[in-house]
Amino acid sequence: MITTLEERKINLLSQIEKLKREIDRLRRLEYRELALCNLTGSVQYLVHDRLWENSVN
């Protein structure tokens, strides 16, 4: 029983860390998009950048 609880705890902590990394990645992407919009005032660059990033991942 204790082993099962410990494994569950480790699994949940791992999931939390993965979610934190995903949130950070999304925040960076959002900040980058806002910066691009403010810099260029154009959606064209934003779409191109997103397509490029998706092709890299």
PDB file of N, CA and C in Angstrom:
ATOM      1  N   MET A   1       0.832  -1.206   0.000  1.00  0.00           N
ATOM      2  CA  MET A   1       0.000   0.000   0.000  1.00  0.00           C
ATOM      3  C   MET A   1       0.864   1.254   0.000  1.00  0.00           C
ATOM      4  N   ILE A   2       1.877   1.274   0.840  1.00  0.00           N
ATOM      5  CA  ILE A   2       2.751   2.448   0.911  1.00  0.00           C
ATOM      6  C   ILE A   2       3.477   2.653  -0.408  1.00  0.00           C
ATOM      7  N   THR A   3       3.937   1.560  -1.007  1.00  0.00           N
ATOM      8  CA  THR A   3       4.626   1.656  -2.291  1.00  0.00           C
ATOM      9  C   THR A   3       3.700   2.251  -3.342  1.00  0.00           C
ATOM     10  N   THR A   4       2.476   1.806  -3.358  1.00  0.00           N
ATOM     11  CA  THR A   4       1.507   2.322  -4.319  1.00  0.00           C
ATOM     12  C   THR A   4       1.279   3.814  -4.117  1.00  0.00           C
ATOM     13  N   LEU A   5       1.144   4.243  -2.885  1.00  0.00           N
ATOM     14  CA  LEU A   5       0.961   5.672  -2.599  1.00  0.00           C
ATOM     15  C   LEU A   5       2.192   6.477  -2.994  1.00  0.00           C
ATOM     16  N   GLU A   6       3.362   5.934  -2.724  1.00  0.00           N
ATOM     17  CA  GLU A   6       4.607   6.616  -3.082  1.00  0.00           C
ATOM     18  C   GLU A   6       4.743   6.725  -4.602  1.00  0.00           C
ATOM     19  N   GLU A   7       4.408   5.663  -5.305  1.00  0.00           N
ATOM     20  CA  GLU A   7       4.453   5.697  -6.767  1.00  0.00           C
ATOM     21  C   GLU A   7       3.464   6.716  -7.313  1.00  0.00           C
ATOM     22  N   ARG A   8       2.278   6.752  -6.725  1.00  0.00           N
ATOM     23  CA  ARG A   8       1.254   7.708  -7.153  1.00  0.00           C
ATOM     24  C   ARG A   8       1.732   9.142  -6.915  1.00  0.00           C
ATOM     25  N   LYS A   9       2.346   9.369  -5.773  1.00  0.00           N
ATOM     26  CA  LYS A   9       2.889  10.693  -5.448  1.00  0.00           C
ATOM     27  C   LYS A   9       3.943  11.101  -6.467  1.00  0.00           C
ATOM     28  N   ILE A  10       4.851  10.205  -6.783  1.00  0.00           N
ATOM     29  CA  ILE A  10       5.915  10.499  -7.750  1.00  0.00           C
ATOM     30  C   ILE A  10       5.311  10.775  -9.122  1.00  0.00           C
ATOM     31  N   ASN A  11       4.321   9.987  -9.503  1.00  0.00           N
ATOM     32  CA  ASN A  11       3.660  10.187 -10.782  1.00  0.00           C
ATOM     33  C   ASN A  11       2.972  11.555 -10.847  1.00  0.00           C
ATOM     34  N   LEU A  12       2.269  11.913  -9.790  1.00  0.00           N
ATOM     35  CA  LEU A  12       1.578  13.208  -9.760  1.00  0.00           C
ATOM     36  C   LEU A  12       2.566  14.376  -9.785  1.00  0.00           C
ATOM     37  N   LEU A  13       3.655  14.256  -9.052  1.00  0.00           N
ATOM     38  CA  LEU A  13       4.665  15.313  -9.074  1.00  0.00           C
ATOM     39  C   LEU A  13       5.277  15.458 -10.460  1.00  0.00           C
ATOM     40  N   SER A  14       5.481  14.355 -11.135  1.00  0.00           N
ATOM     41  CA  SER A  14       6.009  14.385 -12.493  1.00  0.00           C
ATOM     42  C   SER A  14       5.023  15.078 -13.432  1.00  0.00           C
ATOM     43  N   GLN A  15       3.750  14.770 -13.300  1.00  0.00           N
ATOM     44  CA  GLN A  15       2.731  15.406 -14.126  1.00  0.00           C
ATOM     45  C   GLN A  15       2.665  16.905 -13.863  1.00  0.00           C
ATOM     46  N   ILE A  16       2.799  17.285 -12.604  1.00  0.00           N
ATOM     47  CA  ILE A  16       2.788  18.712 -12.246  1.00  0.00           C
ATOM     48  C   ILE A  16       3.954  19.425 -12.914  1.00  0.00           C
ATOM     49  N   GLU A  17       5.130  18.828 -12.881  1.00  0.00           N
ATOM     50  CA  GLU A  17       6.306  19.435 -13.511  1.00  0.00           C
ATOM     51  C   GLU A  17       6.115  19.577 -15.021  1.00  0.00           C
ATOM     52  N   LYS A  18       5.548  18.557 -15.650  1.00  0.00           N
ATOM     53  CA  LYS A  18       5.285  18.633 -17.089  1.00  0.00           C
ATOM     54  C   LYS A  18       4.307  19.756 -17.402  1.00  0.00           C
ATOM     55  N   LEU A  19       3.267  19.890 -16.587  1.00  0.00           N
ATOM     56  CA  LEU A  19       2.292  20.956 -16.798  1.00  0.00           C
ATOM     57  C   LEU A  19       2.908  22.338 -16.588  1.00  0.00           C
ATOM     58  N   LYS A  20       3.771  22.463 -15.599  1.00  0.00           N
ATOM     59  CA  LYS A  20       4.463  23.743 -15.377  1.00  0.00           C
ATOM     60  C   LYS A  20       5.305  24.124 -16.590  1.00  0.00           C
ATOM     61  N   ARG A  21       6.016  23.140 -17.152  1.00  0.00           N
ATOM     62  CA  ARG A  21       6.832  23.415 -18.340  1.00  0.00           C
ATOM     63  C   ARG A  21       5.957  23.821 -19.521  1.00  0.00           C
ATOM     64  N   GLU A  22       4.828  23.160 -19.682  1.00  0.00           N
ATOM     65  CA  GLU A  22       3.910  23.491 -20.777  1.00  0.00           C
ATOM     66  C   GLU A  22       3.338  24.904 -20.600  1.00  0.00           C
ATOM     67  N   ILE A  23       2.981  25.259 -19.378  1.00  0.00           N
ATOM     68  CA  ILE A  23       2.472  26.611 -19.096  1.00  0.00           C
ATOM     69  C   ILE A  23       3.538  27.647 -19.406  1.00  0.00           C
ATOM     70  N   ASP A  24       4.766  27.392 -18.991  1.00  0.00           N
ATOM     71  CA  ASP A  24       5.867  28.326 -19.284  1.00  0.00           C
ATOM     72  C   ASP A  24       6.073  28.479 -20.783  1.00  0.00           C
ATOM     73  N   ARG A  25       6.010  27.365 -21.507  1.00  0.00           N
ATOM     74  CA  ARG A  25       6.175  27.414 -22.958  1.00  0.00           C
ATOM     75  C   ARG A  25       5.061  28.236 -23.605  1.00  0.00           C
ATOM     76  N   LEU A  26       3.842  28.039 -23.148  1.00  0.00           N
ATOM     77  CA  LEU A  26       2.708  28.787 -23.700  1.00  0.00           C
ATOM     78  C   LEU A  26       2.807  30.279 -23.361  1.00  0.00           C
ATOM     79  N   ARG A  27       3.285  30.580 -22.163  1.00  0.00           N
ATOM     80  CA  ARG A  27       3.462  31.990 -21.790  1.00  0.00           C
ATOM     81  C   ARG A  27       4.519  32.658 -22.656  1.00  0.00           C
ATOM     82  N   ARG A  28       5.627  31.948 -22.910  1.00  0.00           N
ATOM     83  CA  ARG A  28       6.670  32.504 -23.765  1.00  0.00           C
ATOM     84  C   ARG A  28       6.141  32.727 -25.179  1.00  0.00           C
ATOM     85  N   LEU A  29       5.375  31.773 -25.677  1.00  0.00           N
ATOM     86  CA  LEU A  29       4.800  31.898 -27.013  1.00  0.00           C
ATOM     87  C   LEU A  29       3.836  33.085 -27.078  1.00  0.00           C
ATOM     88  N   GLU A  30       2.997  33.221 -26.049  1.00  0.00           N
ATOM     89  CA  GLU A  30       2.050  34.331 -26.019  1.00  0.00           C
ATOM     90  C   GLU A  30       2.793  35.665 -25.967  1.00  0.00           C
ATOM     91  N   TYR A  31       3.816  35.756 -25.126  1.00  0.00           N
ATOM     92  CA  TYR A  31       4.596  36.984 -25.021  1.00  0.00           C
ATOM     93  C   TYR A  31       5.265  37.307 -26.350  1.00  0.00           C
ATOM     94  N   ARG A  32       5.793  36.268 -26.996  1.00  0.00           N
ATOM     95  CA  ARG A  32       6.472  36.456 -28.285  1.00  0.00           C
ATOM     96  C   ARG A  32       5.492  36.970 -29.339  1.00  0.00           C
ATOM     97  N   GLU A  33       4.284  36.397 -29.357  1.00  0.00           N
ATOM     98  CA  GLU A  33       3.275  36.832 -30.319  1.00  0.00           C
ATOM     99  C   GLU A  33       2.871  38.286 -30.065  1.00  0.00           C
ATOM    100  N   LEU A  34       2.681  38.642 -28.811  1.00  0.00           N
ATOM    101  CA  LEU A  34       2.320  40.018 -28.488  1.00  0.00           C
ATOM    102  C   LEU A  34       3.434  40.978 -28.885  1.00  0.00           C
ATOM    103  N   ALA A  35       4.669  40.570 -28.631  1.00  0.00           N
ATOM    104  CA  ALA A  35       5.804  41.417 -28.993  1.00  0.00           C
ATOM    105  C   ALA A  35       5.865  41.601 -30.504  1.00  0.00           C
ATOM    106  N   LEU A  36       5.630  40.527 -31.246  1.00  0.00           N
ATOM    107  CA  LEU A  36       5.662  40.623 -32.705  1.00  0.00           C
ATOM    108  C   LEU A  36       4.548  41.531 -33.217  1.00  0.00           C
ATOM    109  N   CYS A  37       3.363  41.400 -32.643  1.00  0.00           N
ATOM    110  CA  CYS A  37       2.249  42.253 -33.066  1.00  0.00           C
ATOM    111  C   CYS A  37       2.547  43.714 -32.771  1.00  0.00           C
ATOM    112  N   ASN A  38       3.113  43.968 -31.601  1.00  0.00           N
ATOM    113  CA  ASN A  38       3.439  45.350 -31.237  1.00  0.00           C
ATOM    114  C   ASN A  38       4.550  45.906 -32.112  1.00  0.00           C
ATOM    115  N   LEU A  39       5.491  45.056 -32.460  1.00  0.00           N
ATOM    116  CA  LEU A  39       6.634  45.495 -33.249  1.00  0.00           C
ATOM    117  C   LEU A  39       6.257  45.750 -34.705  1.00  0.00           C
ATOM    118  N   THR A  40       5.523  44.812 -35.293  1.00  0.00           N
ATOM    119  CA  THR A  40       5.245  44.906 -36.722  1.00  0.00           C
ATOM    120  C   THR A  40       3.886  45.520 -37.025  1.00  0.00           C
ATOM    121  N   GLY A  41       2.940  45.356 -36.084  1.00  0.00           N
ATOM    122  CA  GLY A  41       1.591  45.824 -36.342  1.00  0.00           C
ATOM    123  C   GLY A  41       0.905  45.011 -37.419  1.00  0.00           C
ATOM    124  N   SER A  42       1.436  43.828 -37.685  1.00  0.00           N
ATOM    125  CA  SER A  42       0.914  43.010 -38.768  1.00  0.00           C
ATOM    126  C   SER A  42       0.708  41.577 -38.311  1.00  0.00           C
ATOM    127  N   VAL A  43      -0.364  40.975 -38.765  1.00  0.00           N
ATOM    128  CA  VAL A  43      -0.634  39.586 -38.440  1.00  0.00           C
ATOM    129  C   VAL A  43       0.168  38.656 -39.342  1.00  0.00           C
ATOM    130  N   GLN A  44       0.595  39.132 -40.478  1.00  0.00           N
ATOM    131  CA  GLN A  44       1.329  38.308 -41.435  1.00  0.00           C
ATOM    132  C   GLN A  44       2.552  37.667 -40.783  1.00  0.00           C
ATOM    133  N   TYR A  45       3.328  38.439 -40.055  1.00  0.00           N
ATOM    134  CA  TYR A  45       4.525  37.906 -39.424  1.00  0.00           C
ATOM    135  C   TYR A  45       4.163  36.907 -38.320  1.00  0.00           C
ATOM    136  N   LEU A  46       3.092  37.185 -37.627  1.00  0.00           N
ATOM    137  CA  LEU A  46       2.639  36.316 -36.555  1.00  0.00           C
ATOM    138  C   LEU A  46       2.278  34.939 -37.095  1.00  0.00           C
ATOM    139  N   VAL A  47       1.536  34.885 -38.180  1.00  0.00           N
ATOM    140  CA  VAL A  47       1.141  33.610 -38.774  1.00  0.00           C
ATOM    141  C   VAL A  47       2.361  32.870 -39.300  1.00  0.00           C
ATOM    142  N   HIS A  48       3.243  33.569 -39.977  1.00  0.00           N
ATOM    143  CA  HIS A  48       4.461  32.946 -40.506  1.00  0.00           C
ATOM    144  C   HIS A  48       5.294  32.362 -39.380  1.00  0.00           C
ATOM    145  N   ASP A  49       5.447  33.118 -38.303  1.00  0.00           N
ATOM    146  CA  ASP A  49       6.255  32.664 -37.179  1.00  0.00           C
ATOM    147  C   ASP A  49       5.635  31.424 -36.543  1.00  0.00           C
ATOM    148  N   ARG A  50       4.328  31.412 -36.386  1.00  0.00           N
ATOM    149  CA  ARG A  50       3.661  30.257 -35.786  1.00  0.00           C
ATOM    150  C   ARG A  50       3.807  29.026 -36.680  1.00  0.00           C
ATOM    151  N   LEU A  51       3.681  29.192 -37.980  1.00  0.00           N
ATOM    152  CA  LEU A  51       3.858  28.063 -38.898  1.00  0.00           C
ATOM    153  C   LEU A  51       5.270  27.526 -38.817  1.00  0.00           C
ATOM    154  N   TRP A  52       6.234  28.427 -38.750  1.00  0.00           N
ATOM    155  CA  TRP A  52       7.629  27.997 -38.648  1.00  0.00           C
ATOM    156  C   TRP A  52       7.861  27.225 -37.345  1.00  0.00           C
ATOM    157  N   GLU A  53       7.331  27.734 -36.250  1.00  0.00           N
ATOM    158  CA  GLU A  53       7.527  27.086 -34.965  1.00  0.00           C
ATOM    159  C   GLU A  53       6.873  25.710 -34.946  1.00  0.00           C
ATOM    160  N   ASN A  54       5.687  25.588 -35.527  1.00  0.00           N
ATOM    161  CA  ASN A  54       5.025  24.293 -35.576  1.00  0.00           C
ATOM    162  C   ASN A  54       5.815  23.295 -36.418  1.00  0.00           C
ATOM    163  N   SER A  55       6.451  23.760 -37.458  1.00  0.00           N
ATOM    164  CA  SER A  55       7.220  22.857 -38.301  1.00  0.00           C
ATOM    165  C   SER A  55       8.488  22.386 -37.581  1.00  0.00           C
ATOM    166  N   VAL A  56       9.007  23.191 -36.680  1.00  0.00           N
ATOM    167  CA  VAL A  56      10.192  22.815 -35.918  1.00  0.00           C
ATOM    168  C   VAL A  56       9.836  21.757 -34.894  1.00  0.00           C
ATOM    169  N   ASN A  57       8.682  21.915 -34.242  1.00  0.00           N
ATOM    170  CA  ASN A  57       8.247  20.948 -33.232  1.00  0.00           C
ATOM    171  C   ASN A  57       7.691  19.756 -33.925  1.00  0.00           C
TER     172      ASN A  57
END
